[in-house]
C-alpha atoms as a PDB file:
ATOM      1  CA  MET A   1       0.000   0.000   0.000  1.00  0.00           C
ATOM      2  CA  LYS A   2       2.824   2.398   0.845  1.00  0.00           C
ATOM      3  CA  THR A   3       4.389   1.869  -2.593  1.00  0.00           C
ATOM      4  CA  THR A   4       1.121   2.625  -4.446  1.00  0.00           C
ATOM      5  CA  PHE A   5       0.587   5.801  -2.418  1.00  0.00           C
ATOM      6  CA  SER A   6       4.191   6.955  -3.070  1.00  0.00           C
ATOM      7  CA  LEU A   7       3.813   6.271  -6.797  1.00  0.00           C
ATOM      8  CA  ALA A   8       0.572   8.257  -6.885  1.00  0.00           C
ATOM      9  CA  ILE A   9       2.203  11.241  -5.154  1.00  0.00           C
ATOM     10  CA  ALA A  10       5.212  11.020  -7.479  1.00  0.00           C
ATOM     11  CA  SER A  11       2.911  10.903 -10.534  1.00  0.00           C
ATOM     12  CA  ILE A  12       1.011  13.987  -9.375  1.00  0.00           C
ATOM     13  CA  ALA A  13       4.290  15.843  -8.719  1.00  0.00           C
ATOM     14  CA  LEU A  14       5.542  14.981 -12.215  1.00  0.00           C
ATOM     15  CA  LEU A  15       2.265  16.131 -13.749  1.00  0.00           C
ATOM     16  CA  PHE A  16       2.580  19.557 -12.122  1.00  0.00           C
ATOM     17  CA  ALA A  17       6.296  19.845 -12.847  1.00  0.00           C
ATOM     18  CA  GLY A  18       5.690  19.011 -16.496  1.00  0.00           C
ATOM     19  CA  SER A  19       3.107  21.775 -16.840  1.00  0.00           C
ATOM     20  CA  ARG A  20       5.454  24.460 -15.506  1.00  0.00           C
ATOM     21  CA  THR A  21       6.725  27.031 -18.000  1.00  0.00           C
ATOM     22  CA  ASP A  22       9.519  29.545 -17.872  1.00  0.00           C
ATOM     23  CA  ALA A  23       7.339  32.317 -19.269  1.00  0.00           C
ATOM     24  CA  ALA A  24       7.069  35.798 -17.826  1.00  0.00           C
ATOM     25  CA  PRO A  25       5.108  36.145 -14.588  1.00  0.00           C
ATOM     26  CA  VAL A  26       1.347  35.823 -14.965  1.00  0.00           C
ATOM     27  CA  SER A  27       0.861  39.418 -13.808  1.00  0.00           C
ATOM     28  CA  ASP A  28       2.766  40.658 -16.866  1.00  0.00           C
ATOM     29  CA  ALA A  29       0.299  38.835 -19.134  1.00  0.00           C
ATOM     30  CA  THR A  30      -2.370  41.277 -17.947  1.00  0.00           C
ATOM     31  CA  VAL A  31      -0.343  44.456 -18.382  1.00  0.00           C
ATOM     32  CA  LYS A  32      -2.409  47.113 -20.104  1.00  0.00           C
ATOM     33  CA  GLY A  33      -0.392  50.272 -19.457  1.00  0.00           C
ATOM     34  CA  GLN A  34       0.005  52.638 -22.381  1.00  0.00           C
ATOM     35  CA  THR A  35       1.976  55.266 -20.477  1.00  0.00           C
ATOM     36  CA  ALA A  36       5.734  55.036 -20.039  1.00  0.00           C
ATOM     37  CA  ALA A  37       7.809  57.329 -17.862  1.00  0.00           C
ATOM     38  CA  LEU A  38      11.428  58.413 -18.109  1.00  0.00           C
ATOM     39  CA  ILE A  39      12.486  60.215 -14.971  1.00  0.00           C
ATOM     40  CA  SER A  40      16.094  59.144 -14.380  1.00  0.00           C
ATOM     41  CA  ALA A  41      18.517  56.246 -14.731  1.00  0.00           C
ATOM     42  CA  SER A  42      16.766  54.664 -11.756  1.00  0.00           C
ATOM     43  CA  GLU A  43      13.137  55.344 -12.817  1.00  0.00           C
ATOM     44  CA  TYR A  44      12.225  54.420 -16.367  1.00  0.00           C
ATOM     45  CA  CYS A  45       9.934  52.358 -18.560  1.00  0.00           C
ATOM     46  CA  LEU A  46      10.106  50.764 -21.991  1.00  0.00           C
ATOM     47  CA  PHE A  47       7.447  49.470 -24.343  1.00  0.00           C
ATOM     48  CA  LEU A  48       7.582  45.745 -25.126  1.00  0.00           C
ATOM     49  CA  PRO A  49       5.268  43.208 -26.741  1.00  0.00           C
ATOM     50  CA  PRO A  50       2.376  42.376 -24.405  1.00  0.00           C
ATOM     51  CA  LYS A  51       3.399  38.711 -24.214  1.00  0.00           C
ATOM     52  CA  TYR A  52       6.715  37.121 -23.314  1.00  0.00           C
ATOM     53  CA  GLY A  53       8.616  36.155 -26.474  1.00  0.00           C
ATOM     54  CA  GLY A  54       6.663  38.420 -28.819  1.00  0.00           C
ATOM     55  CA  ASN A  55       8.236  39.920 -31.930  1.00  0.00           C
ATOM     56  CA  ILE A  56       8.937  43.659 -31.637  1.00  0.00           C
ATOM     57  CA  ALA A  57       7.691  44.806 -35.072  1.00  0.00           C
ATOM     58  CA  ASP A  58       4.659  42.489 -35.031  1.00  0.00           C
ATOM     59  CA  ASN A  59       3.519  44.177 -31.819  1.00  0.00           C
ATOM     60  CA  GLU A  60       3.956  47.828 -32.764  1.00  0.00           C
ATOM     61  CA  ASP A  61       0.203  48.403 -32.342  1.00  0.00           C
ATOM     62  CA  LYS A  62      -0.107  46.239 -29.215  1.00  0.00           C
ATOM     63  CA  ALA A  63       2.970  47.028 -27.111  1.00  0.00           C
ATOM     64  CA  VAL A  64       2.598  47.904 -23.445  1.00  0.00           C
ATOM     65  CA  ALA A  65       4.739  49.721 -20.900  1.00  0.00           C
ATOM     66  CA  PHE A  66       7.051  47.913 -18.487  1.00  0.00           C
ATOM     67  CA  CYS A  67       8.982  49.848 -15.821  1.00  0.00           C
ATOM     68  CA  ASN A  68      11.989  48.950 -13.734  1.00  0.00           C
ATOM     69  CA  ARG A  69       9.805  49.572 -10.663  1.00  0.00           C
ATOM     70  CA  PRO A  70       6.331  50.984  -9.995  1.00  0.00           C
ATOM     71  CA  ILE A  71       6.073  54.602 -11.137  1.00  0.00           C
ATOM     72  CA  SER A  72       2.902  56.551 -10.341  1.00  0.00           C
ATOM     73  CA  SER A  73       2.988  58.441 -13.648  1.00  0.00           C
ATOM     74  CA  ALA A  74       2.961  55.098 -15.537  1.00  0.00           C
ATOM     75  CA  PRO A  75      -0.262  53.463 -14.320  1.00  0.00           C
ATOM     76  CA  LYS A  76      -0.969  49.830 -15.230  1.00  0.00           C
ATOM     77  CA  ALA A  77       2.617  49.313 -16.428  1.00  0.00           C
ATOM     78  CA  GLY A  78       4.217  45.935 -15.865  1.00  0.00           C
ATOM     79  CA  THR A  79       7.602  45.299 -14.329  1.00  0.00           C
ATOM     80  CA  LEU A  80      10.647  44.746 -16.531  1.00  0.00           C
ATOM     81  CA  PRO A  81      12.142  41.290 -16.031  1.00  0.00           C
ATOM     82  CA  SER A  82      15.133  41.208 -13.713  1.00  0.00           C
ATOM     83  CA  GLY A  83      18.339  41.469 -15.737  1.00  0.00           C
ATOM     84  CA  PHE A  84      16.608  42.633 -18.942  1.00  0.00           C
ATOM     85  CA  ILE A  85      18.417  45.993 -18.823  1.00  0.00           C
ATOM     86  CA  LYS A  86      22.162  45.331 -18.821  1.00  0.00           C
ATOM     87  CA  SER A  87      23.281  48.961 -19.076  1.00  0.00           C
ATOM     88  CA  ILE A  88      21.612  52.347 -19.009  1.00  0.00           C
ATOM     89  CA  HIS A  89      22.894  55.769 -20.017  1.00  0.00           C
ATOM     90  CA  PHE A  90      20.621  58.685 -19.111  1.00  0.00           C
ATOM     91  CA  VAL A  91      20.721  62.108 -20.798  1.00  0.00           C
ATOM     92  CA  HIS A  92      18.661  65.170 -19.876  1.00  0.00           C
ATOM     93  CA  ASN A  93      18.955  67.868 -22.525  1.00  0.00           C
ATOM     94  CA  THR A  94      17.626  70.974 -20.786  1.00  0.00           C
ATOM     95  CA  GLU A  95      18.117  73.194 -23.843  1.00  0.00           C
ATOM     96  CA  LYS A  96      15.858  71.080 -26.070  1.00  0.00           C
ATOM     97  CA  ASN A  97      13.765  69.694 -23.188  1.00  0.00           C
ATOM     98  CA  TYR A  98      14.130  65.971 -23.744  1.00  0.00           C
ATOM     99  CA  VAL A  99      15.268  62.972 -21.746  1.00  0.00           C
ATOM    100  CA  GLN A 100      16.828  59.854 -23.214  1.00  0.00           C
ATOM    101  CA  ILE A 101      18.094  56.443 -22.200  1.00  0.00           C
ATOM    102  CA  THR A 102      20.233  54.117 -24.285  1.00  0.00           C
ATOM    103  CA  GLY A 103      22.021  50.882 -23.553  1.00  0.00           C
ATOM    104  CA  ARG A 104      22.133  47.129 -23.744  1.00  0.00           C
ATOM    105  CA  ILE A 105      19.510  44.476 -23.050  1.00  0.00           C
ATOM    106  CA  ASP A 106      19.586  40.746 -22.387  1.00  0.00           C
ATOM    107  CA  ARG A 107      16.928  39.601 -24.865  1.00  0.00           C
ATOM    108  CA  SER A 108      16.656  36.187 -23.177  1.00  0.00           C
ATOM    109  CA  LYS A 109      15.077  37.744 -20.068  1.00  0.00           C
ATOM    110  CA  TYR A 110      11.889  38.451 -22.067  1.00  0.00           C
ATOM    111  CA  GLY A 111      12.239  35.606 -24.562  1.00  0.00           C
ATOM    112  CA  LEU A 112      13.059  37.877 -27.511  1.00  0.00           C
ATOM    113  CA  SER A 113      14.528  36.190 -30.577  1.00  0.00           C
ATOM    114  CA  SER A 114      18.110  36.690 -31.720  1.00  0.00           C
ATOM    115  CA  LYS A 115      16.628  36.856 -35.244  1.00  0.00           C
ATOM    116  CA  ASP A 116      14.301  39.759 -34.354  1.00  0.00           C
ATOM    117  CA  GLY A 117      15.678  42.908 -36.034  1.00  0.00           C
ATOM    118  CA  GLY A 118      13.436  44.998 -33.816  1.00  0.00           C
ATOM    119  CA  GLY A 119      11.176  47.913 -34.431  1.00  0.00           C
ATOM    120  CA  GLN A 120       9.951  51.261 -33.261  1.00  0.00           C
ATOM    121  CA  TYR A 121       7.303  52.351 -30.792  1.00  0.00           C
ATOM    122  CA  ASP A 122       6.196  55.983 -30.667  1.00  0.00           C
ATOM    123  CA  MET A 123       3.165  58.159 -29.938  1.00  0.00           C
ATOM    124  CA  ASN A 124       1.490  56.756 -33.093  1.00  0.00           C
ATOM    125  CA  ALA A 125       1.918  53.069 -32.271  1.00  0.00           C
ATOM    126  CA  PRO A 126       0.849  51.574 -30.015  1.00  0.00           C
ATOM    127  CA  THR A 127      -2.370  53.561 -30.176  1.00  0.00           C
ATOM    128  CA  GLY A 128      -2.853  55.747 -27.126  1.00  0.00           C
ATOM    129  CA  SER A 129       0.721  55.416 -25.920  1.00  0.00           C
ATOM    130  CA  LYS A 130       2.680  58.274 -24.388  1.00  0.00           C
ATOM    131  CA  CYS A 131       5.640  59.192 -22.248  1.00  0.00           C
ATOM    132  CA  ALA A 132       4.433  60.925 -19.085  1.00  0.00           C
ATOM    133  CA  GLY A 133       5.136  64.662 -19.071  1.00  0.00           C
ATOM    134  CA  TYR A 134       6.189  64.890 -22.724  1.00  0.00           C
ATOM    135  CA  ALA A 135       4.335  65.558 -25.958  1.00  0.00           C
ATOM    136  CA  LYS A 136       6.291  63.028 -28.042  1.00  0.00           C
ATOM    137  CA  PHE A 137       8.455  59.938 -27.699  1.00  0.00           C
ATOM    138  CA  VAL A 138      10.357  57.479 -29.861  1.00  0.00           C
ATOM    139  CA  GLN A 139      11.701  54.105 -28.763  1.00  0.00           C
ATOM    140  CA  LEU A 140      13.526  51.375 -30.629  1.00  0.00           C
ATOM    141  CA  ILE A 141      14.335  47.887 -29.390  1.00  0.00           C
ATOM    142  CA  GLU A 142      16.773  45.737 -31.355  1.00  0.00           C
ATOM    143  CA  PRO A 143      16.849  42.195 -29.917  1.00  0.00           C
ATOM    144  CA  ASP A 144      19.340  40.954 -32.546  1.00  0.00           C
ATOM    145  CA  ALA A 145      21.873  43.629 -31.526  1.00  0.00           C
ATOM    146  CA  GLN A 146      20.693  43.578 -27.875  1.00  0.00           C
ATOM    147  CA  ILE A 147      20.324  47.367 -27.675  1.00  0.00           C
ATOM    148  CA  TYR A 148      17.503  49.797 -26.890  1.00  0.00           C
ATOM    149  CA  CYS A 149      16.854  53.521 -26.928  1.00  0.00           C
ATOM    150  CA  LEU A 150      14.056  55.795 -25.716  1.00  0.00           C
ATOM    151  CA  ARG A 151      13.688  59.552 -25.992  1.00  0.00           C
ATOM    152  CA  CYS A 152      10.809  61.576 -24.570  1.00  0.00           C
ATOM    153  CA  CYS A 153      10.540  65.071 -26.071  1.00  0.00           C
ATOM    154  CA  ALA A 154       8.707  68.345 -25.778  1.00  0.00           C
ATOM    155  CA  ASN A 155       9.157  69.002 -29.513  1.00  0.00           C
ATOM    156  CA  LYS A 156       8.433  66.712 -32.443  1.00  0.00           C
ATOM    157  CA  ALA A 157      11.700  67.672 -34.173  1.00  0.00           C
ATOM    158  CA  ASP A 158      13.691  66.093 -31.316  1.00  0.00           C
ATOM    159  CA  CYS A 159      11.862  62.751 -31.567  1.00  0.00           C
ATOM    160  CA  PRO A 160      12.391  61.544 -35.135  1.00  0.00           C
ATOM    161  CA  THR A 161       9.787  58.894 -35.905  1.00  0.00           C
ATOM    162  CA  ASN A 162      10.436  58.670 -39.641  1.00  0.00           C
ATOM    163  CA  LYS A 163      13.638  56.576 -39.500  1.00  0.00           C
ATOM    164  CA  SER A 164      12.464  53.376 -37.813  1.00  0.00           C
ATOM    165  CA  THR A 165      14.561  51.076 -39.984  1.00  0.00           C
ATOM    166  CA  ASP A 166      17.784  52.995 -39.271  1.00  0.00           C
ATOM    167  CA  GLY A 167      18.146  51.666 -35.711  1.00  0.00           C
ATOM    168  CA  CYS A 168      18.971  53.248 -32.374  1.00  0.00           C
ATOM    169  CA  LYS A 169      22.494  54.402 -33.146  1.00  0.00           C
ATOM    170  CA  GLU A 170      21.361  56.367 -36.203  1.00  0.00           C
ATOM    171  CA  VAL A 171      18.038  57.636 -34.870  1.00  0.00           C
ATOM    172  CA  LEU A 172      19.072  58.775 -31.378  1.00  0.00           C
ATOM    173  CA  GLY A 173      22.815  58.336 -31.096  1.00  0.00           C
ATOM    174  CA  GLY A 174      24.012  57.818 -27.544  1.00  0.00           C
ATOM    175  CA  ASN A 175      26.059  55.333 -25.571  1.00  0.00           C
ATOM    176  CA  TYR A 176      25.395  51.625 -26.178  1.00  0.00           C
ATOM    177  CA  SER A 177      28.137  50.132 -24.047  1.00  0.00           C
END
């Protein structure tokens, strides 16, 4: 009898272990935030596909905000996966009134493909998106190169949205080390 009971418990444990996935936390699957925030190198958000492992360009109309920690000006934003941001370089241009972050990502932390050339998110896509406190924003994520960039601007001229295929280094410049 003891052996049958032990086998039953072991079978149930294997059933549950086999159904486990390494996907993003369930709470991130319900993220609906369309507002990002860029306050400093220690308070920032990025737009990402709404589901773990999504393609950047395929989700330009569906992306949602994820922040490094809860930020009141970015309601309903998810939390960036631990280790996703590998480096961050913050710039505040007071003359032109914009803020910018650039740096490196670890694409594996959100299941992004090494074959994904990336894409651009801005105030036109995803629909209803914005960067808190700024009229315009432009963000590119390049999983293949493992880099990202985000600029939130007061003026449209400082947030070029017409060069999405040029990549971060050409569109926003900055430090990508």
